[in-house]
Amino acid sequence: MSQRLDRINELMKREISSIVQKDFEFKDSLVTISDVEVTQDLREAKVFVSVLGGYMDKVLEKLTSNKGSIQSRVNKRITLRCTPVLMFRGDTSTERGVGIVNLLEEVDKLPTADEIPEEK
């Protein structure tokens, strides 16, 4: 991936995060924009959303239904050749990470074989 595309991804992530934080309220949920992936031609952008303490489906539905207003606000703040069409996706990497940590803790509790002393 090019440096330019990396910068655009990070800029889009920051702006969309700011818009979601200021303009949307999600009851009993912590919603964060974890990543944005813009295509090479700058036509589409996958926006990965993490939800803690709430329902992912409801959050994604709300963001998708307000996609047009979010896109227009991003367009006003970022000057690009064309504004990418936003597609909101659920990000479950946090849940997977917690699951892996729990598995590692379980493996650590398993009995281990005794070490064989080296002969001299």
PDB file of N, CA and C in Angstrom:
ATOM      1  N   MET A   1       0.847  -1.174   0.000  1.00  0.00           N
ATOM      2  CA  MET A   1       0.000   0.000   0.000  1.00  0.00           C
ATOM      3  C   MET A   1       0.892   1.236   0.000  1.00  0.00           C
ATOM      4  N   SER A   2       0.475   2.237  -0.733  1.00  0.00           N
ATOM      5  CA  SER A   2       1.268   3.445  -0.849  1.00  0.00           C
ATOM      6  C   SER A   2       1.132   4.322   0.398  1.00  0.00           C
ATOM      7  N   GLN A   3       2.120   5.179   0.564  1.00  0.00           N
ATOM      8  CA  GLN A   3       2.077   6.102   1.708  1.00  0.00           C
ATOM      9  C   GLN A   3       0.893   7.055   1.587  1.00  0.00           C
ATOM     10  N   ARG A   4       0.594   7.462   0.374  1.00  0.00           N
ATOM     11  CA  ARG A   4      -0.535   8.380   0.170  1.00  0.00           C
ATOM     12  C   ARG A   4      -1.838   7.732   0.618  1.00  0.00           C
ATOM     13  N   LEU A   5      -2.045   6.488   0.234  1.00  0.00           N
ATOM     14  CA  LEU A   5      -3.256   5.781   0.620  1.00  0.00           C
ATOM     15  C   LEU A   5      -3.317   5.565   2.132  1.00  0.00           C
ATOM     16  N   ASP A   6      -2.164   5.300   2.740  1.00  0.00           N
ATOM     17  CA  ASP A   6      -2.105   5.178   4.205  1.00  0.00           C
ATOM     18  C   ASP A   6      -2.521   6.480   4.880  1.00  0.00           C
ATOM     19  N   ARG A   7      -2.035   7.602   4.357  1.00  0.00           N
ATOM     20  CA  ARG A   7      -2.397   8.902   4.922  1.00  0.00           C
ATOM     21  C   ARG A   7      -3.883   9.196   4.736  1.00  0.00           C
ATOM     22  N   ILE A   8      -4.427   8.846   3.583  1.00  0.00           N
ATOM     23  CA  ILE A   8      -5.856   9.054   3.339  1.00  0.00           C
ATOM     24  C   ILE A   8      -6.683   8.188   4.286  1.00  0.00           C
ATOM     25  N   ASN A   9      -6.278   6.931   4.473  1.00  0.00           N
ATOM     26  CA  ASN A   9      -6.985   6.040   5.404  1.00  0.00           C
ATOM     27  C   ASN A   9      -7.004   6.628   6.813  1.00  0.00           C
ATOM     28  N   GLU A  10      -5.866   7.101   7.267  1.00  0.00           N
ATOM     29  CA  GLU A  10      -5.778   7.655   8.624  1.00  0.00           C
ATOM     30  C   GLU A  10      -6.588   8.947   8.743  1.00  0.00           C
ATOM     31  N   LEU A  11      -6.539   9.789   7.734  1.00  0.00           N
ATOM     32  CA  LEU A  11      -7.299  11.035   7.749  1.00  0.00           C
ATOM     33  C   LEU A  11      -8.804  10.751   7.753  1.00  0.00           C
ATOM     34  N   MET A  12      -9.237   9.815   6.922  1.00  0.00           N
ATOM     35  CA  MET A  12     -10.652   9.429   6.887  1.00  0.00           C
ATOM     36  C   MET A  12     -11.071   8.860   8.245  1.00  0.00           C
ATOM     37  N   LYS A  13     -10.234   8.033   8.832  1.00  0.00           N
ATOM     38  CA  LYS A  13     -10.537   7.440  10.142  1.00  0.00           C
ATOM     39  C   LYS A  13     -10.730   8.536  11.187  1.00  0.00           C
ATOM     40  N   ARG A  14      -9.829   9.505  11.215  1.00  0.00           N
ATOM     41  CA  ARG A  14      -9.921  10.593  12.185  1.00  0.00           C
ATOM     42  C   ARG A  14     -11.186  11.417  11.998  1.00  0.00           C
ATOM     43  N   GLU A  15     -11.497  11.755  10.760  1.00  0.00           N
ATOM     44  CA  GLU A  15     -12.662  12.593  10.490  1.00  0.00           C
ATOM     45  C   GLU A  15     -13.967  11.860  10.775  1.00  0.00           C
ATOM     46  N   ILE A  16     -14.065  10.598  10.357  1.00  0.00           N
ATOM     47  CA  ILE A  16     -15.292   9.839  10.609  1.00  0.00           C
ATOM     48  C   ILE A  16     -15.463   9.616  12.103  1.00  0.00           C
ATOM     49  N   SER A  17     -14.367   9.345  12.816  1.00  0.00           N
ATOM     50  CA  SER A  17     -14.436   9.186  14.274  1.00  0.00           C
ATOM     51  C   SER A  17     -14.953  10.441  14.940  1.00  0.00           C
ATOM     52  N   SER A  18     -14.451  11.576  14.495  1.00  0.00           N
ATOM     53  CA  SER A  18     -14.888  12.852  15.051  1.00  0.00           C
ATOM     54  C   SER A  18     -16.377  13.086  14.802  1.00  0.00           C
ATOM     55  N   ILE A  19     -16.829  12.794  13.596  1.00  0.00           N
ATOM     56  CA  ILE A  19     -18.241  12.980  13.254  1.00  0.00           C
ATOM     57  C   ILE A  19     -19.125  12.058  14.084  1.00  0.00           C
ATOM     58  N   VAL A  20     -18.748  10.792  14.188  1.00  0.00           N
ATOM     59  CA  VAL A  20     -19.551   9.828  14.948  1.00  0.00           C
ATOM     60  C   VAL A  20     -19.591  10.210  16.422  1.00  0.00           C
ATOM     61  N   GLN A  21     -18.468  10.653  16.957  1.00  0.00           N
ATOM     62  CA  GLN A  21     -18.411  11.032  18.372  1.00  0.00           C
ATOM     63  C   GLN A  21     -19.276  12.258  18.673  1.00  0.00           C
ATOM     64  N   LYS A  22     -19.236  13.247  17.801  1.00  0.00           N
ATOM     65  CA  LYS A  22     -19.953  14.493  18.056  1.00  0.00           C
ATOM     66  C   LYS A  22     -21.446  14.421  17.727  1.00  0.00           C
ATOM     67  N   ASP A  23     -21.797  13.739  16.660  1.00  0.00           N
ATOM     68  CA  ASP A  23     -23.146  13.830  16.134  1.00  0.00           C
ATOM     69  C   ASP A  23     -24.059  12.642  16.419  1.00  0.00           C
ATOM     70  N   PHE A  24     -23.515  11.575  16.962  1.00  0.00           N
ATOM     71  CA  PHE A  24     -24.322  10.391  17.206  1.00  0.00           C
ATOM     72  C   PHE A  24     -24.230   9.975  18.666  1.00  0.00           C
ATOM     73  N   GLU A  25     -25.341   9.483  19.169  1.00  0.00           N
ATOM     74  CA  GLU A  25     -25.378   8.989  20.548  1.00  0.00           C
ATOM     75  C   GLU A  25     -25.873   7.550  20.520  1.00  0.00           C
ATOM     76  N   PHE A  26     -25.097   6.678  21.144  1.00  0.00           N
ATOM     77  CA  PHE A  26     -25.454   5.274  21.220  1.00  0.00           C
ATOM     78  C   PHE A  26     -25.617   4.919  22.693  1.00  0.00           C
ATOM     79  N   LYS A  27     -26.822   4.574  23.068  1.00  0.00           N
ATOM     80  CA  LYS A  27     -27.144   4.302  24.464  1.00  0.00           C
ATOM     81  C   LYS A  27     -26.418   3.041  24.941  1.00  0.00           C
ATOM     82  N   ASP A  28     -25.710   3.150  26.053  1.00  0.00           N
ATOM     83  CA  ASP A  28     -25.022   2.032  26.707  1.00  0.00           C
ATOM     84  C   ASP A  28     -24.002   1.351  25.807  1.00  0.00           C
ATOM     85  N   SER A  29     -23.420   2.064  24.867  1.00  0.00           N
ATOM     86  CA  SER A  29     -22.432   1.475  23.969  1.00  0.00           C
ATOM     87  C   SER A  29     -21.258   2.424  23.792  1.00  0.00           C
ATOM     88  N   LEU A  30     -20.093   1.819  23.632  1.00  0.00           N
ATOM     89  CA  LEU A  30     -18.900   2.577  23.277  1.00  0.00           C
ATOM     90  C   LEU A  30     -18.591   2.223  21.831  1.00  0.00           C
ATOM     91  N   VAL A  31     -18.738   3.193  20.945  1.00  0.00           N
ATOM     92  CA  VAL A  31     -18.551   2.971  19.516  1.00  0.00           C
ATOM     93  C   VAL A  31     -17.291   3.693  19.074  1.00  0.00           C
ATOM     94  N   THR A  32     -16.396   2.945  18.432  1.00  0.00           N
ATOM     95  CA  THR A  32     -15.169   3.540  17.914  1.00  0.00           C
ATOM     96  C   THR A  32     -14.958   3.097  16.469  1.00  0.00           C
ATOM     97  N   ILE A  33     -14.335   3.961  15.708  1.00  0.00           N
ATOM     98  CA  ILE A  33     -13.934   3.626  14.344  1.00  0.00           C
ATOM     99  C   ILE A  33     -12.520   3.075  14.449  1.00  0.00           C
ATOM    100  N   SER A  34     -12.380   1.785  14.202  1.00  0.00           N
ATOM    101  CA  SER A  34     -11.081   1.156  14.411  1.00  0.00           C
ATOM    102  C   SER A  34     -10.174   1.223  13.187  1.00  0.00           C
ATOM    103  N   ASP A  35     -10.755   1.292  11.997  1.00  0.00           N
ATOM    104  CA  ASP A  35      -9.917   1.345  10.805  1.00  0.00           C
ATOM    105  C   ASP A  35     -10.757   1.781   9.607  1.00  0.00           C
ATOM    106  N   VAL A  36     -10.083   2.322   8.611  1.00  0.00           N
ATOM    107  CA  VAL A  36     -10.711   2.668   7.338  1.00  0.00           C
ATOM    108  C   VAL A  36      -9.793   2.182   6.232  1.00  0.00           C
ATOM    109  N   GLU A  37     -10.372   1.492   5.248  1.00  0.00           N
ATOM    110  CA  GLU A  37      -9.612   1.017   4.093  1.00  0.00           C
ATOM    111  C   GLU A  37     -10.234   1.596   2.829  1.00  0.00           C
ATOM    112  N   VAL A  38      -9.515   2.513   2.202  1.00  0.00           N
ATOM    113  CA  VAL A  38      -9.977   3.148   0.968  1.00  0.00           C
ATOM    114  C   VAL A  38      -9.373   2.383  -0.206  1.00  0.00           C
ATOM    115  N   THR A  39     -10.171   2.153  -1.253  1.00  0.00           N
ATOM    116  CA  THR A  39      -9.671   1.461  -2.435  1.00  0.00           C
ATOM    117  C   THR A  39      -8.681   2.348  -3.185  1.00  0.00           C
ATOM    118  N   GLN A  40      -7.890   1.733  -4.068  1.00  0.00           N
ATOM    119  CA  GLN A  40      -6.869   2.465  -4.826  1.00  0.00           C
ATOM    120  C   GLN A  40      -7.445   3.611  -5.657  1.00  0.00           C
ATOM    121  N   ASP A  41      -8.643   3.411  -6.197  1.00  0.00           N
ATOM    122  CA  ASP A  41      -9.246   4.446  -7.034  1.00  0.00           C
ATOM    123  C   ASP A  41     -10.044   5.485  -6.234  1.00  0.00           C
ATOM    124  N   LEU A  42     -10.015   5.379  -4.920  1.00  0.00           N
ATOM    125  CA  LEU A  42     -10.680   6.315  -4.003  1.00  0.00           C
ATOM    126  C   LEU A  42     -12.203   6.368  -4.187  1.00  0.00           C
ATOM    127  N   ARG A  43     -12.785   5.288  -4.675  1.00  0.00           N
ATOM    128  CA  ARG A  43     -14.229   5.258  -4.904  1.00  0.00           C
ATOM    129  C   ARG A  43     -15.001   4.691  -3.716  1.00  0.00           C
ATOM    130  N   GLU A  44     -14.398   3.770  -2.966  1.00  0.00           N
ATOM    131  CA  GLU A  44     -15.084   3.129  -1.844  1.00  0.00           C
ATOM    132  C   GLU A  44     -14.172   3.116  -0.625  1.00  0.00           C
ATOM    133  N   ALA A  45     -14.815   3.114   0.533  1.00  0.00           N
ATOM    134  CA  ALA A  45     -14.070   3.036   1.794  1.00  0.00           C
ATOM    135  C   ALA A  45     -14.806   2.108   2.750  1.00  0.00           C
ATOM    136  N   LYS A  46     -14.115   1.087   3.221  1.00  0.00           N
ATOM    137  CA  LYS A  46     -14.672   0.214   4.250  1.00  0.00           C
ATOM    138  C   LYS A  46     -14.324   0.829   5.598  1.00  0.00           C
ATOM    139  N   VAL A  47     -15.351   1.090   6.385  1.00  0.00           N
ATOM    140  CA  VAL A  47     -15.172   1.692   7.703  1.00  0.00           C
ATOM    141  C   VAL A  47     -15.458   0.603   8.735  1.00  0.00           C
ATOM    142  N   PHE A  48     -14.434   0.236   9.508  1.00  0.00           N
ATOM    143  CA  PHE A  48     -14.578  -0.821  10.503  1.00  0.00           C
ATOM    144  C   PHE A  48     -14.938  -0.205  11.851  1.00  0.00           C
ATOM    145  N   VAL A  49     -16.057  -0.685  12.413  1.00  0.00           N
ATOM    146  CA  VAL A  49     -16.629  -0.118  13.627  1.00  0.00           C
ATOM    147  C   VAL A  49     -16.547  -1.151  14.749  1.00  0.00           C
ATOM    148  N   SER A  50     -16.011  -0.732  15.894  1.00  0.00           N
ATOM    149  CA  SER A  50     -15.979  -1.590  17.084  1.00  0.00           C
ATOM    150  C   SER A  50     -17.043  -1.101  18.053  1.00  0.00           C
ATOM    151  N   VAL A  51     -17.781  -2.041  18.636  1.00  0.00           N
ATOM    152  CA  VAL A  51     -18.842  -1.699  19.580  1.00  0.00           C
ATOM    153  C   VAL A  51     -18.613  -2.495  20.857  1.00  0.00           C
ATOM    154  N   LEU A  52     -18.485  -1.781  21.966  1.00  0.00           N
ATOM    155  CA  LEU A  52     -18.343  -2.431  23.274  1.00  0.00           C
ATOM    156  C   LEU A  52     -19.570  -2.122  24.107  1.00  0.00           C
ATOM    157  N   GLY A  53     -20.165  -3.148  24.672  1.00  0.00           N
ATOM    158  CA  GLY A  53     -21.301  -2.961  25.561  1.00  0.00           C
ATOM    159  C   GLY A  53     -22.601  -2.647  24.858  1.00  0.00           C
ATOM    160  N   GLY A  54     -22.748  -3.067  23.634  1.00  0.00           N
ATOM    161  CA  GLY A  54     -23.984  -2.785  22.916  1.00  0.00           C
ATOM    162  C   GLY A  54     -24.220  -3.800  21.823  1.00  0.00           C
ATOM    163  N   TYR A  55     -25.114  -3.455  20.926  1.00  0.00           N
ATOM    164  CA  TYR A  55     -25.481  -4.345  19.842  1.00  0.00           C
ATOM    165  C   TYR A  55     -24.908  -3.829  18.532  1.00  0.00           C
ATOM    166  N   MET A  56     -24.033  -4.614  17.940  1.00  0.00           N
ATOM    167  CA  MET A  56     -23.353  -4.238  16.702  1.00  0.00           C
ATOM    168  C   MET A  56     -24.359  -3.962  15.585  1.00  0.00           C
ATOM    169  N   ASP A  57     -25.389  -4.788  15.456  1.00  0.00           N
ATOM    170  CA  ASP A  57     -26.352  -4.643  14.365  1.00  0.00           C
ATOM    171  C   ASP A  57     -27.065  -3.296  14.401  1.00  0.00           C
ATOM    172  N   LYS A  58     -27.481  -2.873  15.585  1.00  0.00           N
ATOM    173  CA  LYS A  58     -28.192  -1.600  15.713  1.00  0.00           C
ATOM    174  C   LYS A  58     -27.286  -0.425  15.367  1.00  0.00           C
ATOM    175  N   VAL A  59     -26.033  -0.497  15.819  1.00  0.00           N
ATOM    176  CA  VAL A  59     -25.081   0.584  15.541  1.00  0.00           C
ATOM    177  C   VAL A  59     -24.812   0.671  14.041  1.00  0.00           C
ATOM    178  N   LEU A  60     -24.548  -0.481  13.407  1.00  0.00           N
ATOM    179  CA  LEU A  60     -24.283  -0.491  11.973  1.00  0.00           C
ATOM    180  C   LEU A  60     -25.490  -0.006  11.176  1.00  0.00           C
ATOM    181  N   GLU A  61     -26.669  -0.381  11.627  1.00  0.00           N
ATOM    182  CA  GLU A  61     -27.895   0.061  10.950  1.00  0.00           C
ATOM    183  C   GLU A  61     -28.042   1.583  11.029  1.00  0.00           C
ATOM    184  N   LYS A  62     -27.775   2.131  12.202  1.00  0.00           N
ATOM    185  CA  LYS A  62     -27.890   3.580  12.387  1.00  0.00           C
ATOM    186  C   LYS A  62     -26.861   4.328  11.539  1.00  0.00           C
ATOM    187  N   LEU A  63     -25.626   3.834  11.530  1.00  0.00           N
ATOM    188  CA  LEU A  63     -24.586   4.492  10.742  1.00  0.00           C
ATOM    189  C   LEU A  63     -24.867   4.366   9.244  1.00  0.00           C
ATOM    190  N   THR A  64     -25.320   3.208   8.814  1.00  0.00           N
ATOM    191  CA  THR A  64     -25.615   3.003   7.396  1.00  0.00           C
ATOM    192  C   THR A  64     -26.773   3.878   6.941  1.00  0.00           C
ATOM    193  N   SER A  65     -27.784   4.034   7.789  1.00  0.00           N
ATOM    194  CA  SER A  65     -28.922   4.870   7.406  1.00  0.00           C
ATOM    195  C   SER A  65     -28.540   6.357   7.338  1.00  0.00           C
ATOM    196  N   ASN A  66     -27.496   6.743   8.046  1.00  0.00           N
ATOM    197  CA  ASN A  66     -27.018   8.136   8.024  1.00  0.00           C
ATOM    198  C   ASN A  66     -25.746   8.290   7.190  1.00  0.00           C
ATOM    199  N   LYS A  67     -25.490   7.327   6.335  1.00  0.00           N
ATOM    200  CA  LYS A  67     -24.262   7.314   5.540  1.00  0.00           C
ATOM    201  C   LYS A  67     -24.110   8.567   4.688  1.00  0.00           C
ATOM    202  N   GLY A  68     -25.192   9.034   4.088  1.00  0.00           N
ATOM    203  CA  GLY A  68     -25.132  10.209   3.218  1.00  0.00           C
ATOM    204  C   GLY A  68     -24.685  11.464   3.942  1.00  0.00           C
ATOM    205  N   SER A  69     -25.228  11.683   5.130  1.00  0.00           N
ATOM    206  CA  SER A  69     -24.845  12.886   5.879  1.00  0.00           C
ATOM    207  C   SER A  69     -23.399  12.783   6.363  1.00  0.00           C
ATOM    208  N   ILE A  70     -22.976  11.592   6.748  1.00  0.00           N
ATOM    209  CA  ILE A  70     -21.573  11.408   7.178  1.00  0.00           C
ATOM    210  C   ILE A  70     -20.644  11.670   6.005  1.00  0.00           C
ATOM    211  N   GLN A  71     -20.985  11.133   4.825  1.00  0.00           N
ATOM    212  CA  GLN A  71     -20.167  11.353   3.631  1.00  0.00           C
ATOM    213  C   GLN A  71     -20.068  12.829   3.276  1.00  0.00           C
ATOM    214  N   SER A  72     -21.177  13.543   3.355  1.00  0.00           N
ATOM    215  CA  SER A  72     -21.140  14.965   2.990  1.00  0.00           C
ATOM    216  C   SER A  72     -20.293  15.762   3.975  1.00  0.00           C
ATOM    217  N   ARG A  73     -20.335  15.406   5.254  1.00  0.00           N
ATOM    218  CA  ARG A  73     -19.500  16.100   6.245  1.00  0.00           C
ATOM    219  C   ARG A  73     -18.025  15.789   6.025  1.00  0.00           C
ATOM    220  N   VAL A  74     -17.719  14.540   5.681  1.00  0.00           N
ATOM    221  CA  VAL A  74     -16.325  14.172   5.376  1.00  0.00           C
ATOM    222  C   VAL A  74     -15.863  14.942   4.143  1.00  0.00           C
ATOM    223  N   ASN A  75     -16.724  15.064   3.149  1.00  0.00           N
ATOM    224  CA  ASN A  75     -16.396  15.781   1.918  1.00  0.00           C
ATOM    225  C   ASN A  75     -16.072  17.249   2.186  1.00  0.00           C
ATOM    226  N   LYS A  76     -16.759  17.861   3.145  1.00  0.00           N
ATOM    227  CA  LYS A  76     -16.498  19.264   3.476  1.00  0.00           C
ATOM    228  C   LYS A  76     -15.158  19.438   4.178  1.00  0.00           C
ATOM    229  N   ARG A  77     -14.724  18.419   4.910  1.00  0.00           N
ATOM    230  CA  ARG A  77     -13.494  18.520   5.695  1.00  0.00           C
ATOM    231  C   ARG A  77     -12.257  18.035   4.938  1.00  0.00           C
ATOM    232  N   ILE A  78     -12.440  17.106   4.014  1.00  0.00           N
ATOM    233  CA  ILE A  78     -11.317  16.523   3.282  1.00  0.00           C
ATOM    234  C   ILE A  78     -11.506  16.805   1.795  1.00  0.00           C
ATOM    235  N   THR A  79     -10.488  17.352   1.168  1.00  0.00           N
ATOM    236  CA  THR A  79     -10.547  17.624  -0.259  1.00  0.00           C
ATOM    237  C   THR A  79      -9.855  16.491  -0.999  1.00  0.00           C
ATOM    238  N   LEU A  80     -10.667  15.682  -1.686  1.00  0.00           N
ATOM    239  CA  LEU A  80     -10.152  14.584  -2.500  1.00  0.00           C
ATOM    240  C   LEU A  80     -10.738  14.703  -3.898  1.00  0.00           C
ATOM    241  N   ARG A  81     -10.160  13.978  -4.821  1.00  0.00           N
ATOM    242  CA  ARG A  81     -10.656  13.944  -6.188  1.00  0.00           C
ATOM    243  C   ARG A  81     -12.135  13.560  -6.207  1.00  0.00           C
ATOM    244  N   CYS A  82     -12.477  12.543  -5.433  1.00  0.00           N
ATOM    245  CA  CYS A  82     -13.880  12.156  -5.257  1.00  0.00           C
ATOM    246  C   CYS A  82     -14.027  11.624  -3.832  1.00  0.00           C
ATOM    247  N   THR A  83     -15.197  11.813  -3.273  1.00  0.00           N
ATOM    248  CA  THR A  83     -15.440  11.331  -1.914  1.00  0.00           C
ATOM    249  C   THR A  83     -15.794   9.847  -1.983  1.00  0.00           C
ATOM    250  N   PRO A  84     -15.066   9.009  -1.246  1.00  0.00           N
ATOM    251  CA  PRO A  84     -15.365   7.571  -1.271  1.00  0.00           C
ATOM    252  C   PRO A  84     -16.748   7.273  -0.689  1.00  0.00           C
ATOM    253  N   VAL A  85     -17.410   6.269  -1.256  1.00  0.00           N
ATOM    254  CA  VAL A  85     -18.678   5.784  -0.730  1.00  0.00           C
ATOM    255  C   VAL A  85     -18.356   4.952   0.509  1.00  0.00           C
ATOM    256  N   LEU A  86     -18.965   5.285   1.630  1.00  0.00           N
ATOM    257  CA  LEU A  86     -18.675   4.614   2.893  1.00  0.00           C
ATOM    258  C   LEU A  86     -19.489   3.340   3.033  1.00  0.00           C
ATOM    259  N   MET A  87     -18.823   2.283   3.464  1.00  0.00           N
ATOM    260  CA  MET A  87     -19.481   1.006   3.759  1.00  0.00           C
ATOM    261  C   MET A  87     -19.073   0.614   5.172  1.00  0.00           C
ATOM    262  N   PHE A  88     -20.026   0.568   6.084  1.00  0.00           N
ATOM    263  CA  PHE A  88     -19.728   0.273   7.477  1.00  0.00           C
ATOM    264  C   PHE A  88     -19.719  -1.228   7.709  1.00  0.00           C
ATOM    265  N   ARG A  89     -18.678  -1.708   8.389  1.00  0.00           N
ATOM    266  CA  ARG A  89     -18.508  -3.122   8.701  1.00  0.00           C
ATOM    267  C   ARG A  89     -18.217  -3.268  10.185  1.00  0.00           C
ATOM    268  N   GLY A  90     -18.674  -4.352  10.757  1.00  0.00           N
ATOM    269  CA  GLY A  90     -18.381  -4.643  12.155  1.00  0.00           C
ATOM    270  C   GLY A  90     -16.962  -5.142  12.316  1.00  0.00           C
ATOM    271  N   ASP A  91     -16.278  -4.669  13.328  1.00  0.00           N
ATOM    272  CA  ASP A  91     -14.908  -5.100  13.614  1.00  0.00           C
ATOM    273  C   ASP A  91     -14.917  -5.924  14.893  1.00  0.00           C
ATOM    274  N   THR A  92     -14.595  -7.190  14.772  1.00  0.00           N
ATOM    275  CA  THR A  92     -14.608  -8.090  15.933  1.00  0.00           C
ATOM    276  C   THR A  92     -13.204  -8.434  16.397  1.00  0.00           C
ATOM    277  N   SER A  93     -12.210  -7.670  15.984  1.00  0.00           N
ATOM    278  CA  SER A  93     -10.826  -7.990  16.341  1.00  0.00           C
ATOM    279  C   SER A  93     -10.590  -7.906  17.850  1.00  0.00           C
ATOM    280  N   THR A  94     -11.291  -7.012  18.534  1.00  0.00           N
ATOM    281  CA  THR A  94     -11.135  -6.898  19.981  1.00  0.00           C
ATOM    282  C   THR A  94     -11.621  -8.168  20.662  1.00  0.00           C
ATOM    283  N   GLU A  95     -12.768  -8.658  20.232  1.00  0.00           N
ATOM    284  CA  GLU A  95     -13.311  -9.889  20.814  1.00  0.00           C
ATOM    285  C   GLU A  95     -12.387 -11.075  20.532  1.00  0.00           C
ATOM    286  N   ARG A  96     -11.853 -11.135  19.301  1.00  0.00           N
ATOM    287  CA  ARG A  96     -10.926 -12.218  18.968  1.00  0.00           C
ATOM    288  C   ARG A  96      -9.670 -12.127  19.826  1.00  0.00           C
ATOM    289  N   GLY A  97      -9.167 -10.925  20.039  1.00  0.00           N
ATOM    290  CA  GLY A  97      -7.977 -10.726  20.859  1.00  0.00           C
ATOM    291  C   GLY A  97      -8.192 -11.179  22.288  1.00  0.00           C
ATOM    292  N   VAL A  98      -9.349 -10.840  22.859  1.00  0.00           N
ATOM    293  CA  VAL A  98      -9.671 -11.280  24.220  1.00  0.00           C
ATOM    294  C   VAL A  98      -9.764 -12.803  24.269  1.00  0.00           C
ATOM    295  N   GLY A  99     -10.348 -13.406  23.242  1.00  0.00           N
ATOM    296  CA  GLY A  99     -10.449 -14.858  23.175  1.00  0.00           C
ATOM    297  C   GLY A  99      -9.083 -15.525  23.125  1.00  0.00           C
ATOM    298  N   ILE A 100      -8.164 -14.947  22.371  1.00  0.00           N
ATOM    299  CA  ILE A 100      -6.808 -15.504  22.276  1.00  0.00           C
ATOM    300  C   ILE A 100      -6.087 -15.382  23.602  1.00  0.00           C
ATOM    301  N   VAL A 101      -6.227 -14.235  24.273  1.00  0.00           N
ATOM    302  CA  VAL A 101      -5.604 -14.068  25.588  1.00  0.00           C
ATOM    303  C   VAL A 101      -6.151 -15.093  26.572  1.00  0.00           C
ATOM    304  N   ASN A 102      -7.457 -15.321  26.544  1.00  0.00           N
ATOM    305  CA  ASN A 102      -8.057 -16.329  27.432  1.00  0.00           C
ATOM    306  C   ASN A 102      -7.528 -17.723  27.123  1.00  0.00           C
ATOM    307  N   LEU A 103      -7.380 -18.061  25.850  1.00  0.00           N
ATOM    308  CA  LEU A 103      -6.823 -19.362  25.471  1.00  0.00           C
ATOM    309  C   LEU A 103      -5.378 -19.510  25.942  1.00  0.00           C
ATOM    310  N   LEU A 104      -4.597 -18.446  25.808  1.00  0.00           N
ATOM    311  CA  LEU A 104      -3.211 -18.492  26.264  1.00  0.00           C
ATOM    312  C   LEU A 104      -3.124 -18.685  27.778  1.00  0.00           C
ATOM    313  N   GLU A 105      -4.033 -18.057  28.512  1.00  0.00           N
ATOM    314  CA  GLU A 105      -4.057 -18.239  29.958  1.00  0.00           C
ATOM    315  C   GLU A 105      -4.416 -19.678  30.323  1.00  0.00           C
ATOM    316  N   GLU A 106      -5.328 -20.284  29.573  1.00  0.00           N
ATOM    317  CA  GLU A 106      -5.689 -21.685  29.814  1.00  0.00           C
ATOM    318  C   GLU A 106      -4.519 -22.607  29.506  1.00  0.00           C
ATOM    319  N   VAL A 107      -3.798 -22.348  28.429  1.00  0.00           N
ATOM    320  CA  VAL A 107      -2.637 -23.159  28.065  1.00  0.00           C
ATOM    321  C   VAL A 107      -1.558 -23.034  29.131  1.00  0.00           C
ATOM    322  N   ASP A 108      -1.402 -21.855  29.691  1.00  0.00           N
ATOM    323  CA  ASP A 108      -0.392 -21.626  30.726  1.00  0.00           C
ATOM    324  C   ASP A 108      -0.699 -22.433  31.983  1.00  0.00           C
ATOM    325  N   LYS A 109      -1.958 -22.722  32.238  1.00  0.00           N
ATOM    326  CA  LYS A 109      -2.362 -23.476  33.427  1.00  0.00           C
ATOM    327  C   LYS A 109      -2.172 -24.987  33.250  1.00  0.00           C
ATOM    328  N   LEU A 110      -1.999 -25.456  32.020  1.00  0.00           N
ATOM    329  CA  LEU A 110      -1.839 -26.887  31.762  1.00  0.00           C
ATOM    330  C   LEU A 110      -0.524 -27.398  32.359  1.00  0.00           C
ATOM    331  N   PRO A 111      -0.507 -28.656  32.819  1.00  0.00           N
ATOM    332  CA  PRO A 111       0.741 -29.202  33.365  1.00  0.00           C
ATOM    333  C   PRO A 111       1.787 -29.346  32.262  1.00  0.00           C
ATOM    334  N   THR A 112       3.026 -29.178  32.649  1.00  0.00           N
ATOM    335  CA  THR A 112       4.128 -29.294  31.695  1.00  0.00           C
ATOM    336  C   THR A 112       4.974 -30.506  32.044  1.00  0.00           C
ATOM    337  N   ALA A 113       5.689 -30.988  31.077  1.00  0.00           N
ATOM    338  CA  ALA A 113       6.575 -32.134  31.294  1.00  0.00           C
ATOM    339  C   ALA A 113       7.797 -31.670  32.064  1.00  0.00           C
ATOM    340  N   ASP A 114       8.345 -32.582  32.888  1.00  0.00           N
ATOM    341  CA  ASP A 114       9.561 -32.266  33.635  1.00  0.00           C
ATOM    342  C   ASP A 114      10.727 -32.169  32.676  1.00  0.00           C
ATOM    343  N   GLU A 115      11.652 -31.273  32.996  1.00  0.00           N
ATOM    344  CA  GLU A 115      12.833 -31.123  32.159  1.00  0.00           C
ATOM    345  C   GLU A 115      13.772 -32.300  32.402  1.00  0.00           C
ATOM    346  N   ILE A 116      14.407 -32.747  31.343  1.00  0.00           N
ATOM    347  CA  ILE A 116      15.387 -33.841  31.448  1.00  0.00           C
ATOM    348  C   ILE A 116      16.739 -33.206  31.701  1.00  0.00           C
ATOM    349  N   PRO A 117      17.403 -33.611  32.792  1.00  0.00           N
ATOM    350  CA  PRO A 117      18.718 -33.026  33.057  1.00  0.00           C
ATOM    351  C   PRO A 117      19.739 -33.459  31.997  1.00  0.00           C
ATOM    352  N   GLU A 118      20.601 -32.542  31.640  1.00  0.00           N
ATOM    353  CA  GLU A 118      21.617 -32.835  30.634  1.00  0.00           C
ATOM    354  C   GLU A 118      22.727 -33.658  31.253  1.00  0.00           C
ATOM    355  N   GLU A 119      23.220 -34.630  30.499  1.00  0.00           N
ATOM    356  CA  GLU A 119      24.336 -35.445  30.981  1.00  0.00           C
ATOM    357  C   GLU A 119      25.625 -34.781  30.553  1.00  0.00           C
ATOM    358  N   LYS A 120      26.648 -34.907  31.446  1.00  0.00           N
ATOM    359  CA  LYS A 120      27.938 -34.291  31.147  1.00  0.00           C
ATOM    360  C   LYS A 120      28.961 -35.309  30.806  1.00  0.00           C
TER     361      LYS A 120
END
